[in-house]
Amino acid sequence: MNLLRVLTRFVLCCVLFCPFLLPDSAHANDRVTILYDAFSDSKDVTKDWGFSALLEHDRKRILFDTGNNAQIFRHNVESLGVDLAKLDFVVISHRHSDHTTGLKYLVDINPTVPIYVARENFGMFGGVVPPTLIRPVANLPSRMRYFDGVVPSNLPTGNIFRSGNFVFVDKLTEVASGIYLVPTISKNAGTLELHELTLVIKGNQGLTLIDGCSHSGIEEILQAASAIDPHFHIIFGGLHLVATPEPEIDVLVKNLKDKWKLDKIAPGHCTGEPAFFRLRQAFGENYLYAGAGTRIDVP
């Protein structure tokens, strides 16, 4: 009986004080799992153009984007053992289909989870028509006036999803302790006025950023995130350099190292192979491979 009591106490002490026996979600470091991308060294996932990642931070599980195809997203999630029913919240970086299509599967599995999206008046996630859009002209006949001249005080715009607990973000927002959403708006040709959210974690080593495509430019995003902390530890996700001329990529890589003093980088998605090559050369051992199926611990 005494031996049983001793063994029981030993096991209890191990569970309480030995971190390697704790469940996966309770590891000391943050962990990022890449769920969806077009490159991988894993046989467990299907490669496809698009992006999705799972962030585990401070016992919270945050899904960032949902990829380009709902069936592939489901396959990769299940192959990697990710339980979408146990998410704290979801962040959708922007409205492009290669980041949003997996929502069709997600909202069936977890219909009430908060889904943070960039506020756009006529975006795919719905919204509200701004009251300044309709300027009344009282001397028009009612049949020529919007809503016969009696405009509803709340005029929602369409949502292409059957369900979903969408939460709109249009300013720097701390959604949980040390977890921020940083909105930017693209000024670049091809994506002009596209609203985008970056997920930012403030940690002891500086900021961890997860980007979808960086359509506004990664330096614009870093400038906006510097309001939280000027020290950037690591960037995950797409930098949208896939079609950028190589001399411009060289300038950006130098700026990330010298101007922004980025510690590490784990690029993916639309960053592009020319940029992968240059970033790996510049960052050396601080360049982290982040293909689909990869799990990366962030101290």
C-alpha atoms as a PDB file:
ATOM      1  CA  MET A   1       0.000   0.000   0.000  1.00  0.00           C
ATOM      2  CA  ASN A   2       2.867   2.363   0.838  1.00  0.00           C
ATOM      3  CA  LEU A   3       4.510   1.566  -2.514  1.00  0.00           C
ATOM      4  CA  LEU A   4       1.284   2.415  -4.365  1.00  0.00           C
ATOM      5  CA  ARG A   5       1.068   5.744  -2.525  1.00  0.00           C
ATOM      6  CA  VAL A   6       4.668   6.584  -3.448  1.00  0.00           C
ATOM      7  CA  LEU A   7       4.098   5.736  -7.114  1.00  0.00           C
ATOM      8  CA  THR A   8       0.920   7.819  -7.200  1.00  0.00           C
ATOM      9  CA  ARG A   9       2.763  10.839  -5.801  1.00  0.00           C
ATOM     10  CA  PHE A  10       5.609  10.350  -8.278  1.00  0.00           C
ATOM     11  CA  VAL A  11       3.251  10.309 -11.276  1.00  0.00           C
ATOM     12  CA  LEU A  12       1.415  13.376  -9.991  1.00  0.00           C
ATOM     13  CA  CYS A  13       4.679  15.281  -9.589  1.00  0.00           C
ATOM     14  CA  CYS A  14       5.727  14.347 -13.123  1.00  0.00           C
ATOM     15  CA  VAL A  15       2.459  15.601 -14.603  1.00  0.00           C
ATOM     16  CA  LEU A  16       2.621  18.835 -12.654  1.00  0.00           C
ATOM     17  CA  PHE A  17       6.276  19.691 -13.079  1.00  0.00           C
ATOM     18  CA  CYS A  18       7.614  17.908 -16.178  1.00  0.00           C
ATOM     19  CA  PRO A  19       6.683  19.917 -19.303  1.00  0.00           C
ATOM     20  CA  PHE A  20       7.377  17.022 -21.661  1.00  0.00           C
ATOM     21  CA  LEU A  21       4.410  15.166 -20.162  1.00  0.00           C
ATOM     22  CA  LEU A  22       1.967  18.004 -20.652  1.00  0.00           C
ATOM     23  CA  PRO A  23      -0.591  17.828 -23.459  1.00  0.00           C
ATOM     24  CA  ASP A  24       0.483  19.279 -26.808  1.00  0.00           C
ATOM     25  CA  SER A  25      -1.610  22.433 -26.411  1.00  0.00           C
ATOM     26  CA  ALA A  26       0.204  23.320 -23.186  1.00  0.00           C
ATOM     27  CA  HIS A  27       3.782  23.415 -24.522  1.00  0.00           C
ATOM     28  CA  ALA A  28       5.848  26.376 -23.284  1.00  0.00           C
ATOM     29  CA  ASN A  29       6.557  27.819 -26.741  1.00  0.00           C
ATOM     30  CA  ASP A  30       4.076  29.141 -29.233  1.00  0.00           C
ATOM     31  CA  ARG A  31       3.510  26.678 -32.048  1.00  0.00           C
ATOM     32  CA  VAL A  32       2.516  27.338 -35.648  1.00  0.00           C
ATOM     33  CA  THR A  33       1.267  24.461 -37.797  1.00  0.00           C
ATOM     34  CA  ILE A  34       1.002  25.115 -41.526  1.00  0.00           C
ATOM     35  CA  LEU A  35      -2.224  23.470 -42.670  1.00  0.00           C
ATOM     36  CA  TYR A  36      -2.362  24.569 -46.289  1.00  0.00           C
ATOM     37  CA  ASP A  37       0.185  25.608 -48.916  1.00  0.00           C
ATOM     38  CA  ALA A  38       1.471  24.641 -52.361  1.00  0.00           C
ATOM     39  CA  PHE A  39       4.802  23.206 -51.154  1.00  0.00           C
ATOM     40  CA  SER A  40       5.478  20.517 -48.578  1.00  0.00           C
ATOM     41  CA  ASP A  41       7.799  17.688 -47.575  1.00  0.00           C
ATOM     42  CA  SER A  42       4.971  15.794 -45.867  1.00  0.00           C
ATOM     43  CA  LYS A  43       3.088  12.851 -47.367  1.00  0.00           C
ATOM     44  CA  ASP A  44       0.213  13.488 -44.960  1.00  0.00           C
ATOM     45  CA  VAL A  45      -1.087  16.629 -46.671  1.00  0.00           C
ATOM     46  CA  THR A  46      -2.307  17.613 -50.120  1.00  0.00           C
ATOM     47  CA  LYS A  47      -0.532  20.552 -51.751  1.00  0.00           C
ATOM     48  CA  ASP A  48      -2.664  23.330 -53.241  1.00  0.00           C
ATOM     49  CA  TRP A  49      -2.402  27.056 -53.834  1.00  0.00           C
ATOM     50  CA  GLY A  50      -3.654  28.870 -50.752  1.00  0.00           C
ATOM     51  CA  PHE A  51      -2.832  29.317 -47.100  1.00  0.00           C
ATOM     52  CA  SER A  52      -3.955  28.273 -43.640  1.00  0.00           C
ATOM     53  CA  ALA A  53      -2.157  27.960 -40.319  1.00  0.00           C
ATOM     54  CA  LEU A  54      -2.979  27.029 -36.728  1.00  0.00           C
ATOM     55  CA  LEU A  55      -1.395  29.091 -33.950  1.00  0.00           C
ATOM     56  CA  GLU A  56      -1.235  27.772 -30.392  1.00  0.00           C
ATOM     57  CA  HIS A  57      -0.437  30.542 -27.905  1.00  0.00           C
ATOM     58  CA  ASP A  58      -1.014  30.818 -24.169  1.00  0.00           C
ATOM     59  CA  ARG A  59      -3.387  27.797 -24.257  1.00  0.00           C
ATOM     60  CA  LYS A  60      -5.371  29.400 -27.075  1.00  0.00           C
ATOM     61  CA  ARG A  61      -5.867  27.804 -30.489  1.00  0.00           C
ATOM     62  CA  ILE A  62      -6.266  30.273 -33.346  1.00  0.00           C
ATOM     63  CA  LEU A  63      -6.998  29.318 -36.944  1.00  0.00           C
ATOM     64  CA  PHE A  64      -5.618  31.745 -39.518  1.00  0.00           C
ATOM     65  CA  ASP A  65      -7.204  31.443 -42.997  1.00  0.00           C
ATOM     66  CA  THR A  66      -8.782  28.304 -44.459  1.00  0.00           C
ATOM     67  CA  GLY A  67      -7.181  27.631 -47.840  1.00  0.00           C
ATOM     68  CA  ASN A  68      -8.461  27.379 -51.379  1.00  0.00           C
ATOM     69  CA  ASN A  69     -10.498  24.154 -51.386  1.00  0.00           C
ATOM     70  CA  ALA A  70     -12.798  22.950 -48.609  1.00  0.00           C
ATOM     71  CA  GLN A  71     -12.142  19.246 -49.257  1.00  0.00           C
ATOM     72  CA  ILE A  72      -8.362  19.666 -49.299  1.00  0.00           C
ATOM     73  CA  PHE A  73      -8.593  21.819 -46.173  1.00  0.00           C
ATOM     74  CA  ARG A  74     -10.603  19.092 -44.455  1.00  0.00           C
ATOM     75  CA  HIS A  75      -8.149  16.398 -45.545  1.00  0.00           C
ATOM     76  CA  ASN A  76      -5.107  18.334 -44.298  1.00  0.00           C
ATOM     77  CA  VAL A  77      -6.748  19.261 -41.003  1.00  0.00           C
ATOM     78  CA  GLU A  78      -7.756  15.675 -40.308  1.00  0.00           C
ATOM     79  CA  SER A  79      -4.370  14.270 -41.409  1.00  0.00           C
ATOM     80  CA  LEU A  80      -2.578  16.602 -39.029  1.00  0.00           C
ATOM     81  CA  GLY A  81      -4.911  15.783 -36.138  1.00  0.00           C
ATOM     82  CA  VAL A  82      -6.331  19.279 -35.741  1.00  0.00           C
ATOM     83  CA  ASP A  83      -9.715  19.506 -34.006  1.00  0.00           C
ATOM     84  CA  LEU A  84     -11.558  22.523 -35.425  1.00  0.00           C
ATOM     85  CA  ALA A  85     -14.240  22.150 -32.755  1.00  0.00           C
ATOM     86  CA  LYS A  86     -11.697  23.313 -30.161  1.00  0.00           C
ATOM     87  CA  LEU A  87     -10.738  26.685 -31.610  1.00  0.00           C
ATOM     88  CA  ASP A  88     -10.850  29.881 -29.567  1.00  0.00           C
ATOM     89  CA  PHE A  89     -11.284  32.049 -32.638  1.00  0.00           C
ATOM     90  CA  VAL A  90     -10.521  32.325 -36.343  1.00  0.00           C
ATOM     91  CA  VAL A  91      -8.855  35.102 -38.342  1.00  0.00           C
ATOM     92  CA  ILE A  92      -9.451  35.519 -42.068  1.00  0.00           C
ATOM     93  CA  SER A  93      -6.742  37.700 -43.549  1.00  0.00           C
ATOM     94  CA  HIS A  94      -8.703  38.897 -46.592  1.00  0.00           C
ATOM     95  CA  ARG A  95     -11.535  37.975 -48.909  1.00  0.00           C
ATOM     96  CA  HIS A  96      -9.651  36.125 -51.649  1.00  0.00           C
ATOM     97  CA  SER A  97     -10.899  32.593 -52.245  1.00  0.00           C
ATOM     98  CA  ASP A  98      -7.500  30.937 -51.681  1.00  0.00           C
ATOM     99  CA  HIS A  99      -7.778  32.021 -48.044  1.00  0.00           C
ATOM    100  CA  THR A 100     -11.512  31.608 -47.418  1.00  0.00           C
ATOM    101  CA  THR A 101     -12.987  28.578 -49.192  1.00  0.00           C
ATOM    102  CA  GLY A 102     -12.357  26.211 -46.270  1.00  0.00           C
ATOM    103  CA  LEU A 103     -14.846  28.263 -44.256  1.00  0.00           C
ATOM    104  CA  LYS A 104     -17.547  26.125 -45.893  1.00  0.00           C
ATOM    105  CA  TYR A 105     -16.218  23.190 -43.881  1.00  0.00           C
ATOM    106  CA  LEU A 106     -15.264  25.138 -40.766  1.00  0.00           C
ATOM    107  CA  VAL A 107     -18.711  26.639 -40.128  1.00  0.00           C
ATOM    108  CA  ASP A 108     -20.278  23.164 -40.351  1.00  0.00           C
ATOM    109  CA  ILE A 109     -17.865  21.842 -37.717  1.00  0.00           C
ATOM    110  CA  ASN A 110     -17.851  24.909 -35.464  1.00  0.00           C
ATOM    111  CA  PRO A 111     -20.732  27.277 -36.331  1.00  0.00           C
ATOM    112  CA  THR A 112     -20.384  29.572 -33.299  1.00  0.00           C
ATOM    113  CA  VAL A 113     -16.629  30.206 -33.184  1.00  0.00           C
ATOM    114  CA  PRO A 114     -15.825  33.935 -33.599  1.00  0.00           C
ATOM    115  CA  ILE A 115     -14.403  34.635 -37.071  1.00  0.00           C
ATOM    116  CA  TYR A 116     -12.540  37.943 -37.294  1.00  0.00           C
ATOM    117  CA  VAL A 117     -12.639  39.549 -40.738  1.00  0.00           C
ATOM    118  CA  ALA A 118     -11.687  42.929 -42.159  1.00  0.00           C
ATOM    119  CA  ARG A 119     -14.604  45.338 -42.300  1.00  0.00           C
ATOM    120  CA  GLU A 120     -15.589  46.174 -45.866  1.00  0.00           C
ATOM    121  CA  ASN A 121     -18.925  47.760 -46.598  1.00  0.00           C
ATOM    122  CA  PHE A 122     -19.729  45.325 -49.395  1.00  0.00           C
ATOM    123  CA  GLY A 123     -17.427  42.458 -48.502  1.00  0.00           C
ATOM    124  CA  MET A 124     -18.161  38.751 -48.895  1.00  0.00           C
ATOM    125  CA  PHE A 125     -18.823  38.372 -45.144  1.00  0.00           C
ATOM    126  CA  GLY A 126     -21.592  40.934 -45.024  1.00  0.00           C
ATOM    127  CA  GLY A 127     -21.692  44.281 -43.291  1.00  0.00           C
ATOM    128  CA  VAL A 128     -23.894  47.357 -43.196  1.00  0.00           C
ATOM    129  CA  VAL A 129     -24.442  49.936 -45.926  1.00  0.00           C
ATOM    130  CA  PRO A 130     -22.978  53.244 -44.695  1.00  0.00           C
ATOM    131  CA  PRO A 131     -25.773  55.782 -44.126  1.00  0.00           C
ATOM    132  CA  THR A 132     -23.943  58.401 -46.205  1.00  0.00           C
ATOM    133  CA  LEU A 133     -24.236  56.251 -49.337  1.00  0.00           C
ATOM    134  CA  ILE A 134     -27.861  57.250 -49.966  1.00  0.00           C
ATOM    135  CA  ARG A 135     -28.387  60.987 -50.434  1.00  0.00           C
ATOM    136  CA  PRO A 136     -32.137  61.717 -50.397  1.00  0.00           C
ATOM    137  CA  VAL A 137     -33.823  63.986 -52.936  1.00  0.00           C
ATOM    138  CA  ALA A 138     -37.312  64.653 -51.576  1.00  0.00           C
ATOM    139  CA  ASN A 139     -38.802  66.096 -54.789  1.00  0.00           C
ATOM    140  CA  LEU A 140     -38.328  62.851 -56.721  1.00  0.00           C
ATOM    141  CA  PRO A 141     -41.435  60.674 -57.075  1.00  0.00           C
ATOM    142  CA  SER A 142     -41.401  57.755 -54.640  1.00  0.00           C
ATOM    143  CA  ARG A 143     -41.041  55.185 -57.415  1.00  0.00           C
ATOM    144  CA  MET A 144     -37.637  56.721 -58.266  1.00  0.00           C
ATOM    145  CA  ARG A 145     -36.412  56.796 -54.681  1.00  0.00           C
ATOM    146  CA  TYR A 146     -34.536  54.057 -52.849  1.00  0.00           C
ATOM    147  CA  PHE A 147     -36.997  52.140 -50.670  1.00  0.00           C
ATOM    148  CA  ASP A 148     -39.730  54.615 -51.699  1.00  0.00           C
ATOM    149  CA  GLY A 149     -37.876  57.285 -49.739  1.00  0.00           C
ATOM    150  CA  VAL A 150     -38.009  55.412 -46.415  1.00  0.00           C
ATOM    151  CA  VAL A 151     -34.531  53.984 -46.014  1.00  0.00           C
ATOM    152  CA  PRO A 152     -34.146  51.354 -43.247  1.00  0.00           C
ATOM    153  CA  SER A 153     -31.936  52.483 -40.367  1.00  0.00           C
ATOM    154  CA  ASN A 154     -30.018  49.190 -40.554  1.00  0.00           C
ATOM    155  CA  LEU A 155     -29.353  47.938 -44.072  1.00  0.00           C
ATOM    156  CA  PRO A 156     -27.172  44.810 -44.012  1.00  0.00           C
ATOM    157  CA  THR A 157     -25.204  43.711 -47.050  1.00  0.00           C
ATOM    158  CA  GLY A 158     -25.059  40.151 -48.326  1.00  0.00           C
ATOM    159  CA  ASN A 159     -23.069  37.276 -46.839  1.00  0.00           C
ATOM    160  CA  ILE A 160     -22.159  34.375 -49.130  1.00  0.00           C
ATOM    161  CA  PHE A 161     -21.892  31.921 -46.221  1.00  0.00           C
ATOM    162  CA  ARG A 162     -24.960  30.193 -44.820  1.00  0.00           C
ATOM    163  CA  SER A 163     -23.781  30.795 -41.266  1.00  0.00           C
ATOM    164  CA  GLY A 164     -20.785  32.044 -39.347  1.00  0.00           C
ATOM    165  CA  ASN A 165     -20.157  34.256 -36.334  1.00  0.00           C
ATOM    166  CA  PHE A 166     -18.339  37.041 -38.175  1.00  0.00           C
ATOM    167  CA  VAL A 167     -16.727  39.859 -36.187  1.00  0.00           C
ATOM    168  CA  PHE A 168     -15.629  42.930 -38.146  1.00  0.00           C
ATOM    169  CA  VAL A 169     -12.301  44.681 -37.531  1.00  0.00           C
ATOM    170  CA  ASP A 170     -11.261  48.068 -38.927  1.00  0.00           C
ATOM    171  CA  LYS A 171      -8.670  49.284 -36.403  1.00  0.00           C
ATOM    172  CA  LEU A 172      -5.775  47.904 -34.375  1.00  0.00           C
ATOM    173  CA  THR A 173      -7.510  45.551 -31.942  1.00  0.00           C
ATOM    174  CA  GLU A 174      -6.263  43.486 -29.003  1.00  0.00           C
ATOM    175  CA  VAL A 175      -8.593  40.489 -29.185  1.00  0.00           C
ATOM    176  CA  ALA A 176      -6.998  38.715 -26.194  1.00  0.00           C
ATOM    177  CA  SER A 177      -4.071  39.445 -23.896  1.00  0.00           C
ATOM    178  CA  GLY A 178      -1.042  40.002 -26.123  1.00  0.00           C
ATOM    179  CA  ILE A 179      -2.924  38.955 -29.293  1.00  0.00           C
ATOM    180  CA  TYR A 180      -3.601  41.695 -31.839  1.00  0.00           C
ATOM    181  CA  LEU A 181      -5.180  42.143 -35.239  1.00  0.00           C
ATOM    182  CA  VAL A 182      -3.497  44.765 -37.414  1.00  0.00           C
ATOM    183  CA  PRO A 183      -5.579  46.035 -40.363  1.00  0.00           C
ATOM    184  CA  THR A 184      -4.043  47.449 -43.527  1.00  0.00           C
ATOM    185  CA  ILE A 185      -5.474  48.569 -46.881  1.00  0.00           C
ATOM    186  CA  SER A 186      -3.648  47.922 -50.124  1.00  0.00           C
ATOM    187  CA  LYS A 187      -2.590  50.894 -52.244  1.00  0.00           C
ATOM    188  CA  ASN A 188      -1.091  48.665 -54.917  1.00  0.00           C
ATOM    189  CA  ALA A 189      -2.367  48.053 -58.445  1.00  0.00           C
ATOM    190  CA  GLY A 190      -4.421  44.903 -58.775  1.00  0.00           C
ATOM    191  CA  THR A 191      -5.493  44.865 -55.125  1.00  0.00           C
ATOM    192  CA  LEU A 192      -6.291  48.545 -54.637  1.00  0.00           C
ATOM    193  CA  GLU A 193      -8.376  49.144 -51.480  1.00  0.00           C
ATOM    194  CA  LEU A 194      -8.236  45.479 -50.456  1.00  0.00           C
ATOM    195  CA  HIS A 195      -8.593  45.262 -46.673  1.00  0.00           C
ATOM    196  CA  GLU A 196      -6.361  42.759 -44.876  1.00  0.00           C
ATOM    197  CA  LEU A 197      -5.721  41.590 -41.310  1.00  0.00           C
ATOM    198  CA  THR A 198      -2.397  40.451 -39.857  1.00  0.00           C
ATOM    199  CA  LEU A 199      -2.322  38.357 -36.676  1.00  0.00           C
ATOM    200  CA  VAL A 200       0.304  39.642 -34.238  1.00  0.00           C
ATOM    201  CA  ILE A 201       1.473  38.044 -30.989  1.00  0.00           C
ATOM    202  CA  LYS A 202       3.470  40.107 -28.507  1.00  0.00           C
ATOM    203  CA  GLY A 203       5.972  37.869 -26.735  1.00  0.00           C
ATOM    204  CA  ASN A 204       9.162  38.151 -24.716  1.00  0.00           C
ATOM    205  CA  GLN A 205      11.262  37.927 -27.897  1.00  0.00           C
ATOM    206  CA  GLY A 206       9.243  40.568 -29.768  1.00  0.00           C
ATOM    207  CA  LEU A 207       6.401  40.245 -32.260  1.00  0.00           C
ATOM    208  CA  THR A 208       5.309  37.138 -34.130  1.00  0.00           C
ATOM    209  CA  LEU A 209       3.371  38.001 -37.298  1.00  0.00           C
ATOM    210  CA  ILE A 210       1.198  35.736 -39.437  1.00  0.00           C
ATOM    211  CA  ASP A 211       0.286  37.260 -42.806  1.00  0.00           C
ATOM    212  CA  GLY A 212      -2.021  35.990 -45.478  1.00  0.00           C
ATOM    213  CA  CYS A 213      -0.648  37.754 -48.570  1.00  0.00           C
ATOM    214  CA  SER A 214       0.715  41.136 -47.417  1.00  0.00           C
ATOM    215  CA  HIS A 215      -1.118  42.861 -50.283  1.00  0.00           C
ATOM    216  CA  SER A 216      -0.422  46.285 -48.783  1.00  0.00           C
ATOM    217  CA  GLY A 217       3.291  45.438 -48.623  1.00  0.00           C
ATOM    218  CA  ILE A 218       5.111  43.779 -45.746  1.00  0.00           C
ATOM    219  CA  GLU A 219       6.844  47.021 -44.813  1.00  0.00           C
ATOM    220  CA  GLU A 220       3.483  48.783 -44.502  1.00  0.00           C
ATOM    221  CA  ILE A 221       2.359  45.974 -42.216  1.00  0.00           C
ATOM    222  CA  LEU A 222       5.523  46.175 -40.116  1.00  0.00           C
ATOM    223  CA  GLN A 223       5.066  49.925 -39.779  1.00  0.00           C
ATOM    224  CA  ALA A 224       1.492  49.445 -38.551  1.00  0.00           C
ATOM    225  CA  ALA A 225       2.522  46.638 -36.158  1.00  0.00           C
ATOM    226  CA  SER A 226       5.369  48.712 -34.710  1.00  0.00           C
ATOM    227  CA  ALA A 227       2.730  50.569 -32.674  1.00  0.00           C
ATOM    228  CA  ILE A 228       2.585  47.396 -30.556  1.00  0.00           C
ATOM    229  CA  ASP A 229       6.337  46.720 -30.322  1.00  0.00           C
ATOM    230  CA  PRO A 230       9.208  47.812 -32.606  1.00  0.00           C
ATOM    231  CA  HIS A 231      11.031  44.475 -32.253  1.00  0.00           C
ATOM    232  CA  PHE A 232      10.007  41.866 -34.823  1.00  0.00           C
ATOM    233  CA  HIS A 233      10.873  38.292 -33.922  1.00  0.00           C
ATOM    234  CA  ILE A 234       9.414  36.234 -36.791  1.00  0.00           C
ATOM    235  CA  ILE A 235       7.099  36.485 -39.797  1.00  0.00           C
ATOM    236  CA  PHE A 236       5.005  33.593 -41.130  1.00  0.00           C
ATOM    237  CA  GLY A 237       2.938  33.466 -44.302  1.00  0.00           C
ATOM    238  CA  GLY A 238       2.805  35.160 -47.672  1.00  0.00           C
ATOM    239  CA  LEU A 239       4.785  38.262 -48.621  1.00  0.00           C
ATOM    240  CA  HIS A 240       3.242  38.623 -52.111  1.00  0.00           C
ATOM    241  CA  LEU A 241       6.538  38.734 -53.972  1.00  0.00           C
ATOM    242  CA  VAL A 242       5.657  35.976 -56.445  1.00  0.00           C
ATOM    243  CA  ALA A 243       5.697  38.420 -59.392  1.00  0.00           C
ATOM    244  CA  THR A 244       7.984  41.101 -57.941  1.00  0.00           C
ATOM    245  CA  PRO A 245      11.152  41.876 -59.973  1.00  0.00           C
ATOM    246  CA  GLU A 246      14.244  40.365 -58.395  1.00  0.00           C
ATOM    247  CA  PRO A 247      16.047  43.713 -57.807  1.00  0.00           C
ATOM    248  CA  GLU A 248      13.037  44.866 -55.751  1.00  0.00           C
ATOM    249  CA  ILE A 249      13.105  41.605 -53.799  1.00  0.00           C
ATOM    250  CA  ASP A 250      16.790  42.218 -53.021  1.00  0.00           C
ATOM    251  CA  VAL A 251      15.972  45.668 -51.602  1.00  0.00           C
ATOM    252  CA  LEU A 252      13.158  44.278 -49.467  1.00  0.00           C
ATOM    253  CA  VAL A 253      15.277  41.418 -48.116  1.00  0.00           C
ATOM    254  CA  LYS A 254      17.980  43.919 -47.098  1.00  0.00           C
ATOM    255  CA  ASN A 255      15.368  46.111 -45.418  1.00  0.00           C
ATOM    256  CA  LEU A 256      13.936  43.185 -43.453  1.00  0.00           C
ATOM    257  CA  LYS A 257      17.413  42.425 -42.143  1.00  0.00           C
ATOM    258  CA  ASP A 258      18.871  45.891 -41.634  1.00  0.00           C
ATOM    259  CA  LYS A 259      15.983  48.345 -41.298  1.00  0.00           C
ATOM    260  CA  TRP A 260      13.396  46.222 -39.501  1.00  0.00           C
ATOM    261  CA  LYS A 261      15.965  43.930 -37.818  1.00  0.00           C
ATOM    262  CA  LEU A 262      13.772  40.872 -38.174  1.00  0.00           C
ATOM    263  CA  ASP A 263      15.129  37.930 -36.142  1.00  0.00           C
ATOM    264  CA  LYS A 264      13.663  35.036 -38.138  1.00  0.00           C
ATOM    265  CA  ILE A 265      11.445  34.387 -41.121  1.00  0.00           C
ATOM    266  CA  ALA A 266       9.219  31.444 -42.126  1.00  0.00           C
ATOM    267  CA  PRO A 267       7.726  32.495 -45.471  1.00  0.00           C
ATOM    268  CA  GLY A 268       5.126  30.655 -47.499  1.00  0.00           C
ATOM    269  CA  HIS A 269       2.301  30.915 -50.010  1.00  0.00           C
ATOM    270  CA  CYS A 270       2.678  33.905 -52.383  1.00  0.00           C
ATOM    271  CA  THR A 271       6.183  34.839 -51.252  1.00  0.00           C
ATOM    272  CA  GLY A 272       7.496  33.202 -54.457  1.00  0.00           C
ATOM    273  CA  GLU A 273      10.491  31.012 -55.218  1.00  0.00           C
ATOM    274  CA  PRO A 274      12.880  33.889 -56.108  1.00  0.00           C
ATOM    275  CA  ALA A 275      12.155  35.401 -52.679  1.00  0.00           C
ATOM    276  CA  PHE A 276      12.445  32.025 -50.911  1.00  0.00           C
ATOM    277  CA  PHE A 277      15.925  31.696 -52.408  1.00  0.00           C
ATOM    278  CA  ARG A 278      17.064  35.183 -51.403  1.00  0.00           C
ATOM    279  CA  LEU A 279      15.536  35.092 -47.949  1.00  0.00           C
ATOM    280  CA  ARG A 280      17.199  31.752 -47.214  1.00  0.00           C
ATOM    281  CA  GLN A 281      20.550  33.168 -48.299  1.00  0.00           C
ATOM    282  CA  ALA A 282      20.111  36.295 -46.181  1.00  0.00           C
ATOM    283  CA  PHE A 283      18.731  34.718 -43.002  1.00  0.00           C
ATOM    284  CA  GLY A 284      20.684  31.452 -43.006  1.00  0.00           C
ATOM    285  CA  GLU A 285      19.800  29.348 -39.968  1.00  0.00           C
ATOM    286  CA  ASN A 286      17.138  31.916 -39.070  1.00  0.00           C
ATOM    287  CA  TYR A 287      15.202  30.988 -42.211  1.00  0.00           C
ATOM    288  CA  LEU A 288      12.637  28.394 -41.125  1.00  0.00           C
ATOM    289  CA  TYR A 289      11.080  25.984 -43.587  1.00  0.00           C
ATOM    290  CA  ALA A 290       7.287  26.340 -43.415  1.00  0.00           C
ATOM    291  CA  GLY A 291       5.733  24.037 -45.986  1.00  0.00           C
ATOM    292  CA  ALA A 292       2.309  22.491 -45.454  1.00  0.00           C
ATOM    293  CA  GLY A 293       2.371  19.987 -42.599  1.00  0.00           C
ATOM    294  CA  THR A 294       5.254  21.723 -40.804  1.00  0.00           C
ATOM    295  CA  ARG A 295       5.024  22.400 -37.060  1.00  0.00           C
ATOM    296  CA  ILE A 296       7.279  25.194 -35.811  1.00  0.00           C
ATOM    297  CA  ASP A 297       7.835  26.075 -32.160  1.00  0.00           C
ATOM    298  CA  VAL A 298       8.455  29.779 -31.535  1.00  0.00           C
ATOM    299  CA  PRO A 299      10.276  30.637 -28.275  1.00  0.00           C
END
